[in-house]
């Protein structure tokens, strides 16, 4: 679902597509998730008083260690997905039915060694146990099914920043 504003019942969040110099996108493997479908791009909630862009920069640093990046673009509107009921109850005690995300595209401004998922800055707990560069068009096939429609939309909207080969 695409919405001009955050719909009621959805947690306002950001998603980040981090591209390397060759146009591949960062995918992190979520700790404790299925090896085949546990991949995702960085994402997270928007704190009170924070703009979506500020949240995207913070989440990118917290989840990947990357602070050297160049903003390439932003989606218009909010891309929404529903969480499976069991996951919603476990994660947010049923407060949210899903997430509404504003997506940002960044390019890594430096070498791959800037990526640090196991010891993120600021003492944040690692969310990923592995990472890789991948073709953006392949990303929707590597994530949990309930996020797939959002990832298909992100792949379409950010295709110009990616390497489709």
C-alpha atoms as a PDB file:
ATOM      1  CA  UNK A   1       0.000   0.000   0.000  1.00  0.00           C
ATOM      2  CA  UNK A   2       1.200   3.530  -0.818  1.00  0.00           C
ATOM      3  CA  UNK A   3      -0.111   6.437   1.237  1.00  0.00           C
ATOM      4  CA  UNK A   4       0.412  10.218   1.248  1.00  0.00           C
ATOM      5  CA  UNK A   5       0.515  10.208   5.064  1.00  0.00           C
ATOM      6  CA  UNK A   6       1.176   7.606   7.731  1.00  0.00           C
ATOM      7  CA  UNK A   7      -2.082   5.634   8.054  1.00  0.00           C
ATOM      8  CA  UNK A   8      -3.576   5.023  11.486  1.00  0.00           C
ATOM      9  CA  UNK A   9      -2.257   1.846  13.068  1.00  0.00           C
ATOM     10  CA  UNK A  10       1.090   1.934  11.240  1.00  0.00           C
ATOM     11  CA  UNK A  11       4.422   2.686  12.874  1.00  0.00           C
ATOM     12  CA  UNK A  12       6.257   5.533  11.075  1.00  0.00           C
ATOM     13  CA  UNK A  13       9.622   4.235   9.876  1.00  0.00           C
ATOM     14  CA  UNK A  14      12.343   4.698   7.322  1.00  0.00           C
ATOM     15  CA  UNK A  15      14.026   2.262   4.976  1.00  0.00           C
ATOM     16  CA  UNK A  16      17.453   2.720   3.457  1.00  0.00           C
ATOM     17  CA  UNK A  17      18.810   1.473   0.148  1.00  0.00           C
ATOM     18  CA  UNK A  18      22.589   1.852   0.421  1.00  0.00           C
ATOM     19  CA  UNK A  19      24.316   1.489  -2.941  1.00  0.00           C
ATOM     20  CA  UNK A  20      27.985   0.914  -3.620  1.00  0.00           C
ATOM     21  CA  UNK A  21      29.967   2.506  -6.444  1.00  0.00           C
ATOM     22  CA  UNK A  22      28.941  -0.242  -8.878  1.00  0.00           C
ATOM     23  CA  UNK A  23      25.226   0.140  -8.168  1.00  0.00           C
ATOM     24  CA  UNK A  24      24.684  -2.882  -5.949  1.00  0.00           C
ATOM     25  CA  UNK A  25      22.595  -2.524  -2.798  1.00  0.00           C
ATOM     26  CA  UNK A  26      23.465  -3.483   0.778  1.00  0.00           C
ATOM     27  CA  UNK A  27      21.534  -6.414   2.242  1.00  0.00           C
ATOM     28  CA  UNK A  28      21.971  -7.463   5.840  1.00  0.00           C
ATOM     29  CA  UNK A  29      20.979 -10.844   7.214  1.00  0.00           C
ATOM     30  CA  UNK A  30      18.817 -10.500  10.333  1.00  0.00           C
ATOM     31  CA  UNK A  31      20.146 -12.352  13.362  1.00  0.00           C
ATOM     32  CA  UNK A  32      18.115 -15.477  14.071  1.00  0.00           C
ATOM     33  CA  UNK A  33      16.193 -15.409  10.776  1.00  0.00           C
ATOM     34  CA  UNK A  34      15.949 -18.002   8.019  1.00  0.00           C
ATOM     35  CA  UNK A  35      19.188 -18.168   5.983  1.00  0.00           C
ATOM     36  CA  UNK A  36      17.305 -17.829   2.696  1.00  0.00           C
ATOM     37  CA  UNK A  37      14.696 -15.164   3.491  1.00  0.00           C
ATOM     38  CA  UNK A  38      16.221 -13.282   6.410  1.00  0.00           C
ATOM     39  CA  UNK A  39      17.841 -10.567   4.317  1.00  0.00           C
ATOM     40  CA  UNK A  40      16.759  -6.938   4.345  1.00  0.00           C
ATOM     41  CA  UNK A  41      17.918  -3.387   3.880  1.00  0.00           C
ATOM     42  CA  UNK A  42      18.423  -1.201   6.954  1.00  0.00           C
ATOM     43  CA  UNK A  43      15.235   0.198   8.452  1.00  0.00           C
ATOM     44  CA  UNK A  44      13.883   1.561  11.701  1.00  0.00           C
ATOM     45  CA  UNK A  45      11.472   3.803  13.518  1.00  0.00           C
ATOM     46  CA  UNK A  46      11.371   7.582  13.483  1.00  0.00           C
ATOM     47  CA  UNK A  47      12.023   9.052  16.934  1.00  0.00           C
ATOM     48  CA  UNK A  48       9.945  11.917  18.329  1.00  0.00           C
ATOM     49  CA  UNK A  49      11.121  15.242  16.897  1.00  0.00           C
ATOM     50  CA  UNK A  50      13.158  13.553  14.174  1.00  0.00           C
ATOM     51  CA  UNK A  51      12.628  14.104  10.446  1.00  0.00           C
ATOM     52  CA  UNK A  52      12.525  11.041   8.204  1.00  0.00           C
ATOM     53  CA  UNK A  53      15.917  11.991   6.711  1.00  0.00           C
ATOM     54  CA  UNK A  54      17.459  12.350  10.181  1.00  0.00           C
ATOM     55  CA  UNK A  55      16.021   8.945  11.109  1.00  0.00           C
ATOM     56  CA  UNK A  56      17.427   7.398   7.922  1.00  0.00           C
ATOM     57  CA  UNK A  57      20.930   8.720   8.643  1.00  0.00           C
ATOM     58  CA  UNK A  58      20.736   7.525  12.266  1.00  0.00           C
ATOM     59  CA  UNK A  59      19.417   4.068  11.341  1.00  0.00           C
ATOM     60  CA  UNK A  60      22.042   3.671   8.615  1.00  0.00           C
ATOM     61  CA  UNK A  61      24.792   4.393  11.154  1.00  0.00           C
ATOM     62  CA  UNK A  62      23.248   2.211  13.882  1.00  0.00           C
ATOM     63  CA  UNK A  63      22.712  -0.836  11.661  1.00  0.00           C
ATOM     64  CA  UNK A  64      25.686  -0.655   9.289  1.00  0.00           C
ATOM     65  CA  UNK A  65      28.203   1.670  10.925  1.00  0.00           C
ATOM     66  CA  UNK A  66      28.117   3.821   7.774  1.00  0.00           C
ATOM     67  CA  UNK A  67      28.299   7.567   8.338  1.00  0.00           C
ATOM     68  CA  UNK A  68      29.972   8.484   5.028  1.00  0.00           C
ATOM     69  CA  UNK A  69      27.263   8.450   2.378  1.00  0.00           C
ATOM     70  CA  UNK A  70      25.715  10.617  -0.305  1.00  0.00           C
ATOM     71  CA  UNK A  71      21.942  11.102  -0.495  1.00  0.00           C
ATOM     72  CA  UNK A  72      20.654  10.023  -3.908  1.00  0.00           C
ATOM     73  CA  UNK A  73      16.896  10.189  -3.519  1.00  0.00           C
ATOM     74  CA  UNK A  74      13.747   9.654  -1.469  1.00  0.00           C
ATOM     75  CA  UNK A  75      10.403   8.045  -2.181  1.00  0.00           C
ATOM     76  CA  UNK A  76       7.287  10.153  -2.317  1.00  0.00           C
ATOM     77  CA  UNK A  77       4.639   8.956   0.087  1.00  0.00           C
ATOM     78  CA  UNK A  78       4.757   6.111   2.566  1.00  0.00           C
ATOM     79  CA  UNK A  79       5.130   2.453   1.604  1.00  0.00           C
ATOM     80  CA  UNK A  80       3.213   0.248   4.024  1.00  0.00           C
ATOM     81  CA  UNK A  81       3.194  -3.406   4.966  1.00  0.00           C
ATOM     82  CA  UNK A  82       1.307  -5.410   7.561  1.00  0.00           C
ATOM     83  CA  UNK A  83       3.185  -7.542  10.049  1.00  0.00           C
ATOM     84  CA  UNK A  84       1.941 -11.086  10.601  1.00  0.00           C
ATOM     85  CA  UNK A  85      -0.301 -11.024  13.694  1.00  0.00           C
ATOM     86  CA  UNK A  86       2.072 -13.154  15.789  1.00  0.00           C
ATOM     87  CA  UNK A  87       5.023 -10.887  14.966  1.00  0.00           C
ATOM     88  CA  UNK A  88       3.003  -7.755  15.724  1.00  0.00           C
ATOM     89  CA  UNK A  89       1.976  -9.095  19.107  1.00  0.00           C
ATOM     90  CA  UNK A  90       5.544 -10.115  19.949  1.00  0.00           C
ATOM     91  CA  UNK A  91       7.238  -6.944  18.691  1.00  0.00           C
ATOM     92  CA  UNK A  92       4.803  -4.200  19.657  1.00  0.00           C
ATOM     93  CA  UNK A  93       2.256  -5.943  21.892  1.00  0.00           C
ATOM     94  CA  UNK A  94      -0.332  -5.387  19.172  1.00  0.00           C
ATOM     95  CA  UNK A  95       0.048  -1.585  19.136  1.00  0.00           C
ATOM     96  CA  UNK A  96       0.863  -1.437  15.411  1.00  0.00           C
ATOM     97  CA  UNK A  97      -0.544  -3.522  12.588  1.00  0.00           C
ATOM     98  CA  UNK A  98       2.470  -2.800  10.418  1.00  0.00           C
ATOM     99  CA  UNK A  99       4.940  -0.193   9.284  1.00  0.00           C
ATOM    100  CA  UNK A 100       4.695   2.846   7.032  1.00  0.00           C
ATOM    101  CA  UNK A 101       8.112   3.578   5.577  1.00  0.00           C
ATOM    102  CA  UNK A 102       9.678   6.529   3.815  1.00  0.00           C
ATOM    103  CA  UNK A 103      12.591   5.158   1.787  1.00  0.00           C
ATOM    104  CA  UNK A 104      15.920   6.857   1.093  1.00  0.00           C
ATOM    105  CA  UNK A 105      18.671   5.940  -1.353  1.00  0.00           C
ATOM    106  CA  UNK A 106      22.283   6.638  -0.392  1.00  0.00           C
ATOM    107  CA  UNK A 107      25.603   5.823  -2.020  1.00  0.00           C
ATOM    108  CA  UNK A 108      28.457   4.637   0.201  1.00  0.00           C
ATOM    109  CA  UNK A 109      31.142   7.336   0.102  1.00  0.00           C
ATOM    110  CA  UNK A 110      34.216   5.209   0.643  1.00  0.00           C
ATOM    111  CA  UNK A 111      35.428   1.605   0.791  1.00  0.00           C
ATOM    112  CA  UNK A 112      33.481  -1.447   1.959  1.00  0.00           C
ATOM    113  CA  UNK A 113      35.527  -1.391   5.166  1.00  0.00           C
ATOM    114  CA  UNK A 114      33.237   1.449   6.354  1.00  0.00           C
ATOM    115  CA  UNK A 115      30.505  -1.168   6.823  1.00  0.00           C
ATOM    116  CA  UNK A 116      30.572  -2.486  10.405  1.00  0.00           C
ATOM    117  CA  UNK A 117      27.582  -4.646  11.327  1.00  0.00           C
ATOM    118  CA  UNK A 118      29.009  -6.593  14.270  1.00  0.00           C
ATOM    119  CA  UNK A 119      30.053  -3.614  16.410  1.00  0.00           C
ATOM    120  CA  UNK A 120      27.846  -0.669  15.406  1.00  0.00           C
ATOM    121  CA  UNK A 121      28.769   2.749  16.782  1.00  0.00           C
ATOM    122  CA  UNK A 122      27.205   4.077  19.957  1.00  0.00           C
ATOM    123  CA  UNK A 123      26.980   0.683  21.619  1.00  0.00           C
ATOM    124  CA  UNK A 124      23.937  -0.383  19.569  1.00  0.00           C
ATOM    125  CA  UNK A 125      23.161  -4.081  19.474  1.00  0.00           C
ATOM    126  CA  UNK A 126      23.939  -5.659  16.106  1.00  0.00           C
ATOM    127  CA  UNK A 127      20.826  -6.434  14.062  1.00  0.00           C
ATOM    128  CA  UNK A 128      22.638  -8.297  11.302  1.00  0.00           C
ATOM    129  CA  UNK A 129      24.964 -11.297  11.445  1.00  0.00           C
ATOM    130  CA  UNK A 130      26.085 -11.088   7.809  1.00  0.00           C
ATOM    131  CA  UNK A 131      25.880  -8.697   4.876  1.00  0.00           C
ATOM    132  CA  UNK A 132      26.522  -8.541   1.146  1.00  0.00           C
ATOM    133  CA  UNK A 133      26.157  -6.383  -1.936  1.00  0.00           C
ATOM    134  CA  UNK A 134      23.378  -7.564  -4.245  1.00  0.00           C
ATOM    135  CA  UNK A 135      21.457  -6.483  -7.318  1.00  0.00           C
ATOM    136  CA  UNK A 136      18.486  -4.358  -6.255  1.00  0.00           C
ATOM    137  CA  UNK A 137      16.159  -6.321  -8.539  1.00  0.00           C
ATOM    138  CA  UNK A 138      16.988  -9.515  -6.606  1.00  0.00           C
ATOM    139  CA  UNK A 139      16.342  -8.047  -3.136  1.00  0.00           C
ATOM    140  CA  UNK A 140      12.564  -8.759  -3.057  1.00  0.00           C
ATOM    141  CA  UNK A 141      13.224 -12.483  -3.461  1.00  0.00           C
ATOM    142  CA  UNK A 142      15.563 -12.602  -0.465  1.00  0.00           C
ATOM    143  CA  UNK A 143      13.350 -11.080   2.222  1.00  0.00           C
ATOM    144  CA  UNK A 144      10.444 -12.259   4.320  1.00  0.00           C
ATOM    145  CA  UNK A 145       7.315 -12.531   2.163  1.00  0.00           C
ATOM    146  CA  UNK A 146       5.258  -9.933   4.058  1.00  0.00           C
ATOM    147  CA  UNK A 147       7.726  -7.177   3.025  1.00  0.00           C
ATOM    148  CA  UNK A 148       7.993  -8.270  -0.602  1.00  0.00           C
ATOM    149  CA  UNK A 149       5.516  -5.771  -2.128  1.00  0.00           C
ATOM    150  CA  UNK A 150       7.322  -2.839  -0.492  1.00  0.00           C
ATOM    151  CA  UNK A 151      10.665  -4.108  -1.781  1.00  0.00           C
ATOM    152  CA  UNK A 152       9.271  -4.489  -5.300  1.00  0.00           C
ATOM    153  CA  UNK A 153       8.156  -0.853  -5.153  1.00  0.00           C
ATOM    154  CA  UNK A 154      11.530   0.292  -3.785  1.00  0.00           C
ATOM    155  CA  UNK A 155      13.314  -1.643  -6.556  1.00  0.00           C
ATOM    156  CA  UNK A 156      11.137   0.082  -9.143  1.00  0.00           C
ATOM    157  CA  UNK A 157      11.569   3.569  -7.697  1.00  0.00           C
ATOM    158  CA  UNK A 158      15.349   3.298  -7.140  1.00  0.00           C
ATOM    159  CA  UNK A 159      16.187   1.336 -10.294  1.00  0.00           C
ATOM    160  CA  UNK A 160      18.070   4.329 -11.699  1.00  0.00           C
ATOM    161  CA  UNK A 161      20.628   4.106  -8.899  1.00  0.00           C
ATOM    162  CA  UNK A 162      21.225   0.381  -9.293  1.00  0.00           C
ATOM    163  CA  UNK A 163      23.218  -1.963 -11.456  1.00  0.00           C
ATOM    164  CA  UNK A 164      20.609  -4.181 -13.089  1.00  0.00           C
ATOM    165  CA  UNK A 165      23.115  -6.584 -14.631  1.00  0.00           C
END
